[in-house]
PDB file of N, CA and C in Angstrom:
ATOM      1  N   MET A   1       0.409  -7.644   8.328  1.00  0.00           N
ATOM      2  CA  MET A   1      -0.098  -6.626   8.303  1.00  0.00           C
ATOM      3  C   MET A   1      -1.892  -6.654   9.116  1.00  0.00           C
ATOM      4  N   SER A   2      -1.990  -7.362   9.401  1.00  0.00           N
ATOM      5  CA  SER A   2      -3.032  -8.192  10.295  1.00  0.00           C
ATOM      6  C   SER A   2      -3.592  -7.261  11.037  1.00  0.00           C
ATOM      7  N   HIS A   3      -2.390  -6.645  12.093  1.00  0.00           N
ATOM      8  CA  HIS A   3      -2.041  -5.422  13.092  1.00  0.00           C
ATOM      9  C   HIS A   3      -3.470  -4.508  12.447  1.00  0.00           C
ATOM     10  N   ILE A   4      -3.284  -3.778  11.449  1.00  0.00           N
ATOM     11  CA  ILE A   4      -3.661  -2.737  10.983  1.00  0.00           C
ATOM     12  C   ILE A   4      -5.328  -2.783  11.037  1.00  0.00           C
ATOM     13  N   LEU A   5      -5.600  -3.647  10.841  1.00  0.00           N
ATOM     14  CA  LEU A   5      -7.314  -3.996  10.584  1.00  0.00           C
ATOM     15  C   LEU A   5      -8.198  -3.319  11.482  1.00  0.00           C
ATOM     16  N   PHE A   6      -7.495  -3.709  12.898  1.00  0.00           N
ATOM     17  CA  PHE A   6      -8.554  -3.133  13.596  1.00  0.00           C
ATOM     18  C   PHE A   6      -7.842  -1.799  14.369  1.00  0.00           C
ATOM     19  N   SER A   7      -7.162  -1.091  13.654  1.00  0.00           N
ATOM     20  CA  SER A   7      -6.825  -0.217  14.032  1.00  0.00           C
ATOM     21  C   SER A   7      -8.019   0.954  13.946  1.00  0.00           C
ATOM     22  N   GLU A   8      -7.763   2.242  14.464  1.00  0.00           N
ATOM     23  CA  GLU A   8      -8.726   3.643  13.196  1.00  0.00           C
ATOM     24  C   GLU A   8      -8.416   3.899  11.965  1.00  0.00           C
ATOM     25  N   ALA A   9      -9.066   4.557  11.508  1.00  0.00           N
ATOM     26  CA  ALA A   9      -8.861   4.626   9.781  1.00  0.00           C
ATOM     27  C   ALA A   9      -7.866   5.267  10.046  1.00  0.00           C
ATOM     28  N   ILE A  10      -6.439   4.731   8.767  1.00  0.00           N
ATOM     29  CA  ILE A  10      -5.364   4.976   8.555  1.00  0.00           C
ATOM     30  C   ILE A  10      -5.050   4.640   6.952  1.00  0.00           C
ATOM     31  N   ASP A  11      -4.098   5.939   6.529  1.00  0.00           N
ATOM     32  CA  ASP A  11      -3.478   5.455   5.494  1.00  0.00           C
ATOM     33  C   ASP A  11      -2.212   4.688   5.095  1.00  0.00           C
ATOM     34  N   ILE A  12      -2.275   3.768   4.490  1.00  0.00           N
ATOM     35  CA  ILE A  12      -1.561   2.862   4.419  1.00  0.00           C
ATOM     36  C   ILE A  12      -0.683   2.846   2.681  1.00  0.00           C
ATOM     37  N   VAL A  13       0.607   2.597   2.644  1.00  0.00           N
ATOM     38  CA  VAL A  13       1.201   2.496   1.370  1.00  0.00           C
ATOM     39  C   VAL A  13       1.740   1.229   1.460  1.00  0.00           C
ATOM     40  N   CYS A  14       1.394   0.584   0.096  1.00  0.00           N
ATOM     41  CA  CYS A  14       1.394  -0.333  -0.318  1.00  0.00           C
ATOM     42  C   CYS A  14       3.141  -0.597  -0.976  1.00  0.00           C
ATOM     43  N   PHE A  15       4.097  -1.557  -0.977  1.00  0.00           N
ATOM     44  CA  PHE A  15       4.819  -1.428  -1.870  1.00  0.00           C
ATOM     45  C   PHE A  15       4.729  -2.705  -2.546  1.00  0.00           C
ATOM     46  N   TYR A  16       4.400  -2.532  -3.986  1.00  0.00           N
ATOM     47  CA  TYR A  16       4.347  -3.931  -4.743  1.00  0.00           C
ATOM     48  C   TYR A  16       5.860  -4.173  -5.838  1.00  0.00           C
ATOM     49  N   PRO A  17       6.382  -5.178  -6.084  1.00  0.00           N
ATOM     50  CA  PRO A  17       7.389  -5.933  -6.529  1.00  0.00           C
ATOM     51  C   PRO A  17       6.822  -5.762  -8.379  1.00  0.00           C
ATOM     52  N   THR A  18       5.413  -6.163  -7.885  1.00  0.00           N
ATOM     53  CA  THR A  18       5.079  -5.995  -9.597  1.00  0.00           C
ATOM     54  C   THR A  18       4.397  -4.944 -10.270  1.00  0.00           C
ATOM     55  N   GLN A  19       3.314  -5.022 -11.326  1.00  0.00           N
ATOM     56  CA  GLN A  19       2.670  -4.170 -11.585  1.00  0.00           C
ATOM     57  C   GLN A  19       1.461  -4.192 -11.969  1.00  0.00           C
ATOM     58  N   THR A  20       0.829  -5.359 -10.686  1.00  0.00           N
ATOM     59  CA  THR A  20      -0.403  -6.048 -10.354  1.00  0.00           C
ATOM     60  C   THR A  20      -0.346  -5.361  -9.146  1.00  0.00           C
ATOM     61  N   ILE A  21      -1.685  -4.593  -8.626  1.00  0.00           N
ATOM     62  CA  ILE A  21      -2.426  -5.191  -7.363  1.00  0.00           C
ATOM     63  C   ILE A  21      -2.840  -5.876  -7.091  1.00  0.00           C
ATOM     64  N   TYR A  22      -2.705  -6.789  -5.479  1.00  0.00           N
ATOM     65  CA  TYR A  22      -3.368  -7.819  -5.311  1.00  0.00           C
ATOM     66  C   TYR A  22      -4.267  -7.496  -4.370  1.00  0.00           C
ATOM     67  N   PRO A  23      -5.493  -7.216  -4.447  1.00  0.00           N
ATOM     68  CA  PRO A  23      -6.627  -6.744  -3.764  1.00  0.00           C
ATOM     69  C   PRO A  23      -6.735  -7.204  -2.328  1.00  0.00           C
ATOM     70  N   HIS A  24      -6.273  -8.166  -1.953  1.00  0.00           N
ATOM     71  CA  HIS A  24      -6.986  -8.606  -0.823  1.00  0.00           C
ATOM     72  C   HIS A  24      -6.869  -7.816   0.679  1.00  0.00           C
ATOM     73  N   PHE A  25      -6.093  -6.790   0.713  1.00  0.00           N
ATOM     74  CA  PHE A  25      -6.080  -6.189   1.725  1.00  0.00           C
ATOM     75  C   PHE A  25      -6.772  -4.360   1.802  1.00  0.00           C
ATOM     76  N   TYR A  26      -6.918  -4.184   0.436  1.00  0.00           N
ATOM     77  CA  TYR A  26      -7.911  -3.712  -0.216  1.00  0.00           C
ATOM     78  C   TYR A  26      -9.269  -3.380  -0.243  1.00  0.00           C
ATOM     79  N   PHE A  27      -9.752  -4.676  -0.208  1.00  0.00           N
ATOM     80  CA  PHE A  27     -11.063  -5.274  -0.227  1.00  0.00           C
ATOM     81  C   PHE A  27     -11.175  -5.182   1.536  1.00  0.00           C
ATOM     82  N   LEU A  28     -10.583  -5.876   2.300  1.00  0.00           N
ATOM     83  CA  LEU A  28     -10.412  -5.906   3.692  1.00  0.00           C
ATOM     84  C   LEU A  28     -11.013  -4.152   4.162  1.00  0.00           C
ATOM     85  N   SER A  29     -10.134  -3.290   3.522  1.00  0.00           N
ATOM     86  CA  SER A  29     -10.283  -1.745   4.143  1.00  0.00           C
ATOM     87  C   SER A  29     -10.962  -1.490   3.418  1.00  0.00           C
ATOM     88  N   LYS A  30     -12.283  -1.754   2.646  1.00  0.00           N
ATOM     89  CA  LYS A  30     -13.554  -1.413   2.359  1.00  0.00           C
ATOM     90  C   LYS A  30     -14.580  -1.413   2.914  1.00  0.00           C
ATOM     91  N   HIS A  31     -14.505  -2.686   4.319  1.00  0.00           N
ATOM     92  CA  HIS A  31     -15.195  -2.896   4.839  1.00  0.00           C
ATOM     93  C   HIS A  31     -15.823  -1.551   5.841  1.00  0.00           C
ATOM     94  N   PRO A  32     -17.312  -1.646   5.948  1.00  0.00           N
ATOM     95  CA  PRO A  32     -17.819  -0.316   6.346  1.00  0.00           C
ATOM     96  C   PRO A  32     -17.087  -0.051   7.763  1.00  0.00           C
ATOM     97  N   GLN A  33     -16.789  -0.965   8.594  1.00  0.00           N
ATOM     98  CA  GLN A  33     -15.844  -0.368   9.987  1.00  0.00           C
ATOM     99  C   GLN A  33     -14.552   0.088  10.069  1.00  0.00           C
ATOM    100  N   LEU A  34     -14.301  -0.226   9.139  1.00  0.00           N
ATOM    101  CA  LEU A  34     -12.864   0.224   8.955  1.00  0.00           C
ATOM    102  C   LEU A  34     -11.884   1.002   8.602  1.00  0.00           C
ATOM    103  N   ARG A  35     -12.563   1.692   7.684  1.00  0.00           N
ATOM    104  CA  ARG A  35     -12.154   3.217   6.986  1.00  0.00           C
ATOM    105  C   ARG A  35     -10.848   3.407   6.895  1.00  0.00           C
ATOM    106  N   HIS A  36      -9.996   2.033   6.350  1.00  0.00           N
ATOM    107  CA  HIS A  36      -9.083   2.601   6.149  1.00  0.00           C
ATOM    108  C   HIS A  36      -8.313   3.005   4.352  1.00  0.00           C
ATOM    109  N   ASN A  37      -6.689   4.150   4.223  1.00  0.00           N
ATOM    110  CA  ASN A  37      -7.264   4.191   2.801  1.00  0.00           C
ATOM    111  C   ASN A  37      -5.929   3.925   2.260  1.00  0.00           C
ATOM    112  N   ILE A  38      -6.008   2.635   1.661  1.00  0.00           N
ATOM    113  CA  ILE A  38      -4.761   2.478   1.039  1.00  0.00           C
ATOM    114  C   ILE A  38      -4.307   3.082  -0.308  1.00  0.00           C
ATOM    115  N   HIS A  39      -2.771   3.257  -0.239  1.00  0.00           N
ATOM    116  CA  HIS A  39      -2.191   3.257  -1.524  1.00  0.00           C
ATOM    117  C   HIS A  39      -1.332   2.827  -2.134  1.00  0.00           C
ATOM    118  N   TYR A  40      -1.231   2.508  -3.385  1.00  0.00           N
ATOM    119  CA  TYR A  40       0.161   1.467  -3.819  1.00  0.00           C
ATOM    120  C   TYR A  40       0.984   2.101  -4.555  1.00  0.00           C
ATOM    121  N   LEU A  41       2.444   2.041  -5.037  1.00  0.00           N
ATOM    122  CA  LEU A  41       3.463   2.253  -5.083  1.00  0.00           C
ATOM    123  C   LEU A  41       4.215   0.761  -5.864  1.00  0.00           C
ATOM    124  N   LEU A  42       3.887   0.795  -6.991  1.00  0.00           N
ATOM    125  CA  LEU A  42       4.197  -0.366  -7.922  1.00  0.00           C
ATOM    126  C   LEU A  42       5.718  -0.132  -8.033  1.00  0.00           C
ATOM    127  N   CYS A  43       6.512  -1.228  -7.725  1.00  0.00           N
ATOM    128  CA  CYS A  43       7.832  -0.378  -7.613  1.00  0.00           C
ATOM    129  C   CYS A  43       8.984  -1.538  -8.596  1.00  0.00           C
ATOM    130  N   GLY A  44       8.549  -2.534  -8.986  1.00  0.00           N
ATOM    131  CA  GLY A  44       9.325  -3.449 -10.468  1.00  0.00           C
ATOM    132  C   GLY A  44       8.477  -3.733 -11.178  1.00  0.00           C
ATOM    133  N   ASP A  45       8.886  -4.704 -11.760  1.00  0.00           N
ATOM    134  CA  ASP A  45       8.645  -5.662 -13.163  1.00  0.00           C
ATOM    135  C   ASP A  45       8.705  -6.984 -12.552  1.00  0.00           C
ATOM    136  N   ALA A  46       8.716  -7.710 -11.475  1.00  0.00           N
ATOM    137  CA  ALA A  46       8.276  -8.880 -11.290  1.00  0.00           C
ATOM    138  C   ALA A  46       7.404  -9.803 -11.530  1.00  0.00           C
ATOM    139  N   SER A  47       7.018 -10.779 -11.767  1.00  0.00           N
ATOM    140  CA  SER A  47       6.702 -11.773 -12.234  1.00  0.00           C
ATOM    141  C   SER A  47       5.347 -12.349 -10.821  1.00  0.00           C
ATOM    142  N   GLU A  48       6.143 -12.769  -9.585  1.00  0.00           N
ATOM    143  CA  GLU A  48       4.899 -12.452  -8.782  1.00  0.00           C
ATOM    144  C   GLU A  48       5.715 -11.998  -7.590  1.00  0.00           C
ATOM    145  N   LEU A  49       4.752 -12.013  -6.145  1.00  0.00           N
ATOM    146  CA  LEU A  49       4.444 -10.673  -4.745  1.00  0.00           C
ATOM    147  C   LEU A  49       5.343 -11.160  -4.177  1.00  0.00           C
ATOM    148  N   HIS A  50       5.807 -12.552  -3.867  1.00  0.00           N
ATOM    149  CA  HIS A  50       6.987 -13.078  -2.687  1.00  0.00           C
ATOM    150  C   HIS A  50       8.174 -12.979  -3.319  1.00  0.00           C
ATOM    151  N   VAL A  51       9.170 -11.664  -3.714  1.00  0.00           N
ATOM    152  CA  VAL A  51      10.111 -11.564  -4.178  1.00  0.00           C
ATOM    153  C   VAL A  51      11.202 -10.250  -3.285  1.00  0.00           C
ATOM    154  N   ASN A  52      12.304  -9.945  -3.547  1.00  0.00           N
ATOM    155  CA  ASN A  52      13.229  -9.415  -2.762  1.00  0.00           C
ATOM    156  C   ASN A  52      13.115  -7.824  -4.383  1.00  0.00           C
ATOM    157  N   PHE A  53      12.665  -6.467  -4.266  1.00  0.00           N
ATOM    158  CA  PHE A  53      12.917  -5.642  -4.861  1.00  0.00           C
ATOM    159  C   PHE A  53      13.225  -4.718  -4.593  1.00  0.00           C
ATOM    160  N   ARG A  54      13.697  -3.681  -5.350  1.00  0.00           N
ATOM    161  CA  ARG A  54      14.008  -2.295  -5.330  1.00  0.00           C
ATOM    162  C   ARG A  54      12.762  -1.475  -4.928  1.00  0.00           C
ATOM    163  N   VAL A  55      13.023  -0.543  -4.266  1.00  0.00           N
ATOM    164  CA  VAL A  55      12.605   0.859  -3.992  1.00  0.00           C
ATOM    165  C   VAL A  55      12.772   1.766  -4.424  1.00  0.00           C
ATOM    166  N   ASP A  56      12.111   2.922  -5.570  1.00  0.00           N
ATOM    167  CA  ASP A  56      12.444   4.353  -5.960  1.00  0.00           C
ATOM    168  C   ASP A  56      12.043   4.633  -4.874  1.00  0.00           C
ATOM    169  N   VAL A  57      13.480   4.967  -3.635  1.00  0.00           N
ATOM    170  CA  VAL A  57      13.036   6.180  -2.782  1.00  0.00           C
ATOM    171  C   VAL A  57      12.534   7.056  -3.047  1.00  0.00           C
ATOM    172  N   PRO A  58      12.833   7.941  -3.721  1.00  0.00           N
ATOM    173  CA  PRO A  58      12.591   9.913  -4.039  1.00  0.00           C
ATOM    174  C   PRO A  58      11.018   9.109  -4.660  1.00  0.00           C
ATOM    175  N   ARG A  59      10.678   8.473  -5.625  1.00  0.00           N
ATOM    176  CA  ARG A  59       9.195   8.139  -5.276  1.00  0.00           C
ATOM    177  C   ARG A  59       8.393   7.711  -4.478  1.00  0.00           C
ATOM    178  N   ALA A  60       8.920   6.991  -3.230  1.00  0.00           N
ATOM    179  CA  ALA A  60       8.042   6.367  -2.690  1.00  0.00           C
ATOM    180  C   ALA A  60       8.092   7.898  -1.450  1.00  0.00           C
ATOM    181  N   ILE A  61       9.027   8.550  -0.955  1.00  0.00           N
ATOM    182  CA  ILE A  61       8.904  10.441  -0.563  1.00  0.00           C
ATOM    183  C   ILE A  61       8.093  11.056  -0.871  1.00  0.00           C
ATOM    184  N   GLU A  62       7.892  10.693  -2.161  1.00  0.00           N
ATOM    185  CA  GLU A  62       6.865  11.761  -2.666  1.00  0.00           C
ATOM    186  C   GLU A  62       5.423  11.122  -2.675  1.00  0.00           C
ATOM    187  N   GLN A  63       5.543  10.312  -2.565  1.00  0.00           N
ATOM    188  CA  GLN A  63       3.939   9.645  -2.568  1.00  0.00           C
ATOM    189  C   GLN A  63       3.600   9.453  -1.495  1.00  0.00           C
ATOM    190  N   ILE A  64       4.110   8.998   0.008  1.00  0.00           N
ATOM    191  CA  ILE A  64       4.155   9.417   1.071  1.00  0.00           C
ATOM    192  C   ILE A  64       3.638  10.958   1.269  1.00  0.00           C
ATOM    193  N   ARG A  65       4.554  11.971   1.233  1.00  0.00           N
ATOM    194  CA  ARG A  65       3.986  12.990   0.794  1.00  0.00           C
ATOM    195  C   ARG A  65       2.877  13.749   0.925  1.00  0.00           C
ATOM    196  N   ARG A  66       2.589  13.376  -0.119  1.00  0.00           N
ATOM    197  CA  ARG A  66       1.001  13.344  -0.634  1.00  0.00           C
ATOM    198  C   ARG A  66       0.190  12.934   0.267  1.00  0.00           C
ATOM    199  N   LEU A  67       0.481  12.013   0.748  1.00  0.00           N
ATOM    200  CA  LEU A  67      -0.429  11.801   1.899  1.00  0.00           C
ATOM    201  C   LEU A  67      -0.974  12.278   3.029  1.00  0.00           C
ATOM    202  N   LEU A  68       0.266  13.131   3.707  1.00  0.00           N
ATOM    203  CA  LEU A  68       0.352  14.291   4.599  1.00  0.00           C
ATOM    204  C   LEU A  68      -0.728  15.505   4.275  1.00  0.00           C
ATOM    205  N   PRO A  69      -1.148  15.711   5.210  1.00  0.00           N
ATOM    206  CA  PRO A  69      -2.579  16.830   5.357  1.00  0.00           C
ATOM    207  C   PRO A  69      -1.094  18.114   5.592  1.00  0.00           C
ATOM    208  N   SER A  70      -1.876  19.334   4.531  1.00  0.00           N
ATOM    209  CA  SER A  70      -0.402  19.890   3.887  1.00  0.00           C
ATOM    210  C   SER A  70      -0.634  20.908   5.503  1.00  0.00           C
TER     211      SER A  70
END
């Protein structure tokens, strides 16, 4: 994801396998010159971040649709 740090202000959806948000990209996005909007989809009940996990596709599509301009 490092390539997005230097892009124009964008919306980002992060899929997490846990019920905890790891904030490193959130804090980078709040840098005054970056202006990214990060949205989180907590997808599972894993106890660690680096695991395989399933995504609820209808839920992910609904969240992404909310990000799109009307």
